[in-house]
Amino acid sequence: MMLLTERDRELIARAQEAIRLNYDEKTQRHTVGAALRCKSGEIYVGVNVYSLHGACAEQVAIGAAVTHGERDFETIVAVRGRRGEEIIPPCGNCRQILRDYMPDCDVILSTDEGNFKVRASDLLPFSHQMED
């Protein structure tokens, strides 16, 4: 596990801003915000799109980055709550997507000892691997 930097705290703040601006109290369709920093320095945000088969906030942020031509990713974080007060880990599906798209990307997590970063590939040992 790696300690967070000031840039990581900025990334968390961007994820918190994304959900603060889009939190949907009435239907609960948008309750998670994510922010992804690319190696270019650009940050892309997303919120979850809840439906029968919705998309997680991390997936929306990854899609926005890829749409803008980004392919090299540095760090990602997801937060939950009206103000994004809780850092949450990626779900199983997101762990597989992170493994496929960005195994060397750092993922910010909250633990009993505080907030840390881990490599995306460490979140899903023995995972299915896409063919190149």
C-alpha atoms as a PDB file:
ATOM      1  CA  MET A   1       0.000   0.000   0.000  1.00  0.00           C
ATOM      2  CA  MET A   2       1.182   3.501  -0.836  1.00  0.00           C
ATOM      3  CA  LEU A   3       0.517   6.736   1.020  1.00  0.00           C
ATOM      4  CA  LEU A   4      -1.602   9.447  -0.608  1.00  0.00           C
ATOM      5  CA  THR A   5      -0.094  12.594  -2.098  1.00  0.00           C
ATOM      6  CA  GLU A   6      -1.534  16.080  -2.473  1.00  0.00           C
ATOM      7  CA  ARG A   7      -2.434  15.161  -6.074  1.00  0.00           C
ATOM      8  CA  ASP A   8      -4.382  12.175  -4.725  1.00  0.00           C
ATOM      9  CA  ARG A   9      -6.313  14.426  -2.342  1.00  0.00           C
ATOM     10  CA  GLU A  10      -7.117  16.676  -5.314  1.00  0.00           C
ATOM     11  CA  LEU A  11      -8.431  13.639  -7.184  1.00  0.00           C
ATOM     12  CA  ILE A  12     -10.664  12.719  -4.245  1.00  0.00           C
ATOM     13  CA  ALA A  13     -11.980  16.299  -4.188  1.00  0.00           C
ATOM     14  CA  ARG A  14     -12.835  16.083  -7.909  1.00  0.00           C
ATOM     15  CA  ALA A  15     -14.782  12.851  -7.331  1.00  0.00           C
ATOM     16  CA  GLN A  16     -16.571  14.488  -4.399  1.00  0.00           C
ATOM     17  CA  GLU A  17     -17.448  17.493  -6.560  1.00  0.00           C
ATOM     18  CA  ALA A  18     -18.852  15.217  -9.292  1.00  0.00           C
ATOM     19  CA  ILE A  19     -21.295  13.539  -6.922  1.00  0.00           C
ATOM     20  CA  ARG A  20     -22.077  16.727  -4.978  1.00  0.00           C
ATOM     21  CA  LEU A  21     -23.238  18.320  -8.243  1.00  0.00           C
ATOM     22  CA  ASN A  22     -25.189  15.254  -9.376  1.00  0.00           C
ATOM     23  CA  TYR A  23     -26.404  13.410  -6.286  1.00  0.00           C
ATOM     24  CA  ASP A  24     -29.928  12.107  -6.893  1.00  0.00           C
ATOM     25  CA  GLU A  25     -31.735  11.861  -3.572  1.00  0.00           C
ATOM     26  CA  LYS A  26     -35.130  11.209  -5.139  1.00  0.00           C
ATOM     27  CA  THR A  27     -34.461   8.134  -7.313  1.00  0.00           C
ATOM     28  CA  GLN A  28     -30.939   7.189  -6.116  1.00  0.00           C
ATOM     29  CA  ARG A  29     -29.748   6.909  -9.734  1.00  0.00           C
ATOM     30  CA  HIS A  30     -26.574   8.910  -9.095  1.00  0.00           C
ATOM     31  CA  THR A  31     -25.004   8.168  -5.718  1.00  0.00           C
ATOM     32  CA  VAL A  32     -21.334   7.509  -6.566  1.00  0.00           C
ATOM     33  CA  GLY A  33     -18.753   9.802  -8.123  1.00  0.00           C
ATOM     34  CA  ALA A  34     -15.376   8.814  -9.542  1.00  0.00           C
ATOM     35  CA  ALA A  35     -12.299  10.641 -10.763  1.00  0.00           C
ATOM     36  CA  LEU A  36      -9.534   9.247 -12.953  1.00  0.00           C
ATOM     37  CA  ARG A  37      -6.187  10.977 -13.431  1.00  0.00           C
ATOM     38  CA  CYS A  38      -4.340  10.057 -16.593  1.00  0.00           C
ATOM     39  CA  LYS A  39      -0.577  10.142 -17.020  1.00  0.00           C
ATOM     40  CA  SER A  40      -1.128  13.239 -19.198  1.00  0.00           C
ATOM     41  CA  GLY A  41      -2.311  15.003 -16.022  1.00  0.00           C
ATOM     42  CA  GLU A  42      -5.901  15.321 -17.233  1.00  0.00           C
ATOM     43  CA  ILE A  43      -8.668  14.299 -14.837  1.00  0.00           C
ATOM     44  CA  TYR A  44     -11.944  12.762 -16.003  1.00  0.00           C
ATOM     45  CA  VAL A  45     -14.955  12.338 -13.737  1.00  0.00           C
ATOM     46  CA  GLY A  46     -18.095  10.253 -13.840  1.00  0.00           C
ATOM     47  CA  VAL A  47     -21.154   9.371 -11.795  1.00  0.00           C
ATOM     48  CA  ASN A  48     -22.901   6.040 -11.687  1.00  0.00           C
ATOM     49  CA  VAL A  49     -25.888   5.521 -13.968  1.00  0.00           C
ATOM     50  CA  TYR A  50     -28.192   3.252 -11.994  1.00  0.00           C
ATOM     51  CA  SER A  51     -30.703   1.088 -13.827  1.00  0.00           C
ATOM     52  CA  LEU A  52     -31.384  -2.620 -14.199  1.00  0.00           C
ATOM     53  CA  HIS A  53     -28.006  -2.841 -15.942  1.00  0.00           C
ATOM     54  CA  GLY A  54     -26.352   0.453 -15.107  1.00  0.00           C
ATOM     55  CA  ALA A  55     -22.779   1.648 -15.226  1.00  0.00           C
ATOM     56  CA  CYS A  56     -20.553   2.323 -12.250  1.00  0.00           C
ATOM     57  CA  ALA A  57     -18.991   5.759 -11.812  1.00  0.00           C
ATOM     58  CA  GLU A  58     -15.526   4.311 -12.469  1.00  0.00           C
ATOM     59  CA  GLN A  59     -16.726   2.908 -15.801  1.00  0.00           C
ATOM     60  CA  VAL A  60     -18.193   6.268 -16.813  1.00  0.00           C
ATOM     61  CA  ALA A  61     -14.937   8.075 -15.935  1.00  0.00           C
ATOM     62  CA  ILE A  62     -12.874   5.491 -17.859  1.00  0.00           C
ATOM     63  CA  GLY A  63     -15.194   5.845 -20.856  1.00  0.00           C
ATOM     64  CA  ALA A  64     -14.842   9.642 -20.792  1.00  0.00           C
ATOM     65  CA  ALA A  65     -11.045   9.362 -20.693  1.00  0.00           C
ATOM     66  CA  VAL A  66     -10.907   6.819 -23.513  1.00  0.00           C
ATOM     67  CA  THR A  67     -13.317   8.941 -25.580  1.00  0.00           C
ATOM     68  CA  HIS A  68     -10.816  11.802 -25.297  1.00  0.00           C
ATOM     69  CA  GLY A  69      -7.968   9.602 -26.530  1.00  0.00           C
ATOM     70  CA  GLU A  70      -6.402   8.754 -23.180  1.00  0.00           C
ATOM     71  CA  ARG A  71      -4.799   5.339 -22.861  1.00  0.00           C
ATOM     72  CA  ASP A  72      -2.335   5.760 -19.983  1.00  0.00           C
ATOM     73  CA  PHE A  73      -3.917   5.959 -16.550  1.00  0.00           C
ATOM     74  CA  GLU A  74      -2.381   6.926 -13.220  1.00  0.00           C
ATOM     75  CA  THR A  75      -4.908   6.896 -10.340  1.00  0.00           C
ATOM     76  CA  ILE A  76      -8.648   6.357  -9.832  1.00  0.00           C
ATOM     77  CA  VAL A  77     -10.985   6.867  -6.868  1.00  0.00           C
ATOM     78  CA  ALA A  78     -14.713   6.443  -6.202  1.00  0.00           C
ATOM     79  CA  VAL A  79     -16.734   8.140  -3.472  1.00  0.00           C
ATOM     80  CA  ARG A  80     -20.280   7.656  -2.214  1.00  0.00           C
ATOM     81  CA  GLY A  81     -22.774   9.890  -0.450  1.00  0.00           C
ATOM     82  CA  ARG A  82     -24.346  13.293  -0.924  1.00  0.00           C
ATOM     83  CA  ARG A  83     -20.982  15.018  -0.438  1.00  0.00           C
ATOM     84  CA  GLY A  84     -18.806  12.070  -1.395  1.00  0.00           C
ATOM     85  CA  GLU A  85     -17.832  11.557   2.201  1.00  0.00           C
ATOM     86  CA  GLU A  86     -17.033   7.834   1.843  1.00  0.00           C
ATOM     87  CA  ILE A  87     -14.247   6.438  -0.354  1.00  0.00           C
ATOM     88  CA  ILE A  88     -15.433   3.075  -1.661  1.00  0.00           C
ATOM     89  CA  PRO A  89     -13.607   0.162  -3.298  1.00  0.00           C
ATOM     90  CA  PRO A  90     -14.378  -0.901  -6.866  1.00  0.00           C
ATOM     91  CA  CYS A  91     -16.997  -3.634  -7.273  1.00  0.00           C
ATOM     92  CA  GLY A  92     -16.004  -6.983  -8.797  1.00  0.00           C
ATOM     93  CA  ASN A  93     -16.958  -5.950 -12.324  1.00  0.00           C
ATOM     94  CA  CYS A  94     -14.965  -2.720 -12.017  1.00  0.00           C
ATOM     95  CA  ARG A  95     -11.988  -4.658 -10.662  1.00  0.00           C
ATOM     96  CA  GLN A  96     -12.010  -6.758 -13.830  1.00  0.00           C
ATOM     97  CA  ILE A  97     -12.304  -3.653 -16.024  1.00  0.00           C
ATOM     98  CA  LEU A  98      -9.432  -2.002 -14.137  1.00  0.00           C
ATOM     99  CA  ARG A  99      -7.399  -5.194 -14.581  1.00  0.00           C
ATOM    100  CA  ASP A 100      -8.145  -5.211 -18.323  1.00  0.00           C
ATOM    101  CA  TYR A 101      -7.679  -1.487 -19.050  1.00  0.00           C
ATOM    102  CA  MET A 102      -5.163  -0.325 -16.491  1.00  0.00           C
ATOM    103  CA  PRO A 103      -3.498  -3.010 -14.354  1.00  0.00           C
ATOM    104  CA  ASP A 104      -0.701  -0.623 -13.327  1.00  0.00           C
ATOM    105  CA  CYS A 105      -3.076   2.184 -12.313  1.00  0.00           C
ATOM    106  CA  ASP A 106      -3.278   3.066  -8.626  1.00  0.00           C
ATOM    107  CA  VAL A 107      -6.634   2.767  -6.859  1.00  0.00           C
ATOM    108  CA  ILE A 108      -7.363   4.872  -3.774  1.00  0.00           C
ATOM    109  CA  LEU A 109      -8.984   2.839  -0.988  1.00  0.00           C
ATOM    110  CA  SER A 110     -10.145   3.504   2.534  1.00  0.00           C
ATOM    111  CA  THR A 111      -8.962   1.056   5.217  1.00  0.00           C
ATOM    112  CA  ASP A 112      -9.113   0.870   9.000  1.00  0.00           C
ATOM    113  CA  GLU A 113      -5.635   2.436   9.008  1.00  0.00           C
ATOM    114  CA  GLY A 114      -6.607   5.314   6.691  1.00  0.00           C
ATOM    115  CA  ASN A 115      -6.624   6.007   2.964  1.00  0.00           C
ATOM    116  CA  PHE A 116      -4.029   4.321   0.761  1.00  0.00           C
ATOM    117  CA  LYS A 117      -3.313   3.427  -2.853  1.00  0.00           C
ATOM    118  CA  VAL A 118      -2.861  -0.053  -4.291  1.00  0.00           C
ATOM    119  CA  ARG A 119      -2.230  -1.277  -7.821  1.00  0.00           C
ATOM    120  CA  ALA A 120      -5.374  -2.222  -9.730  1.00  0.00           C
ATOM    121  CA  SER A 121      -3.872  -5.621 -10.583  1.00  0.00           C
ATOM    122  CA  ASP A 122      -3.559  -6.381  -6.843  1.00  0.00           C
ATOM    123  CA  LEU A 123      -7.315  -6.034  -6.343  1.00  0.00           C
ATOM    124  CA  LEU A 124      -8.164  -9.089  -8.419  1.00  0.00           C
ATOM    125  CA  PRO A 125      -5.605 -11.872  -8.066  1.00  0.00           C
ATOM    126  CA  PHE A 126      -5.976 -14.851 -10.391  1.00  0.00           C
ATOM    127  CA  SER A 127      -8.281 -12.833 -12.653  1.00  0.00           C
ATOM    128  CA  HIS A 128      -9.418 -13.624 -16.145  1.00  0.00           C
ATOM    129  CA  GLN A 129      -7.036 -11.935 -18.565  1.00  0.00           C
ATOM    130  CA  MET A 130      -8.097 -10.585 -21.945  1.00  0.00           C
ATOM    131  CA  GLU A 131      -6.063 -11.709 -24.945  1.00  0.00           C
ATOM    132  CA  ASP A 132      -3.913  -8.978 -26.517  1.00  0.00           C
END
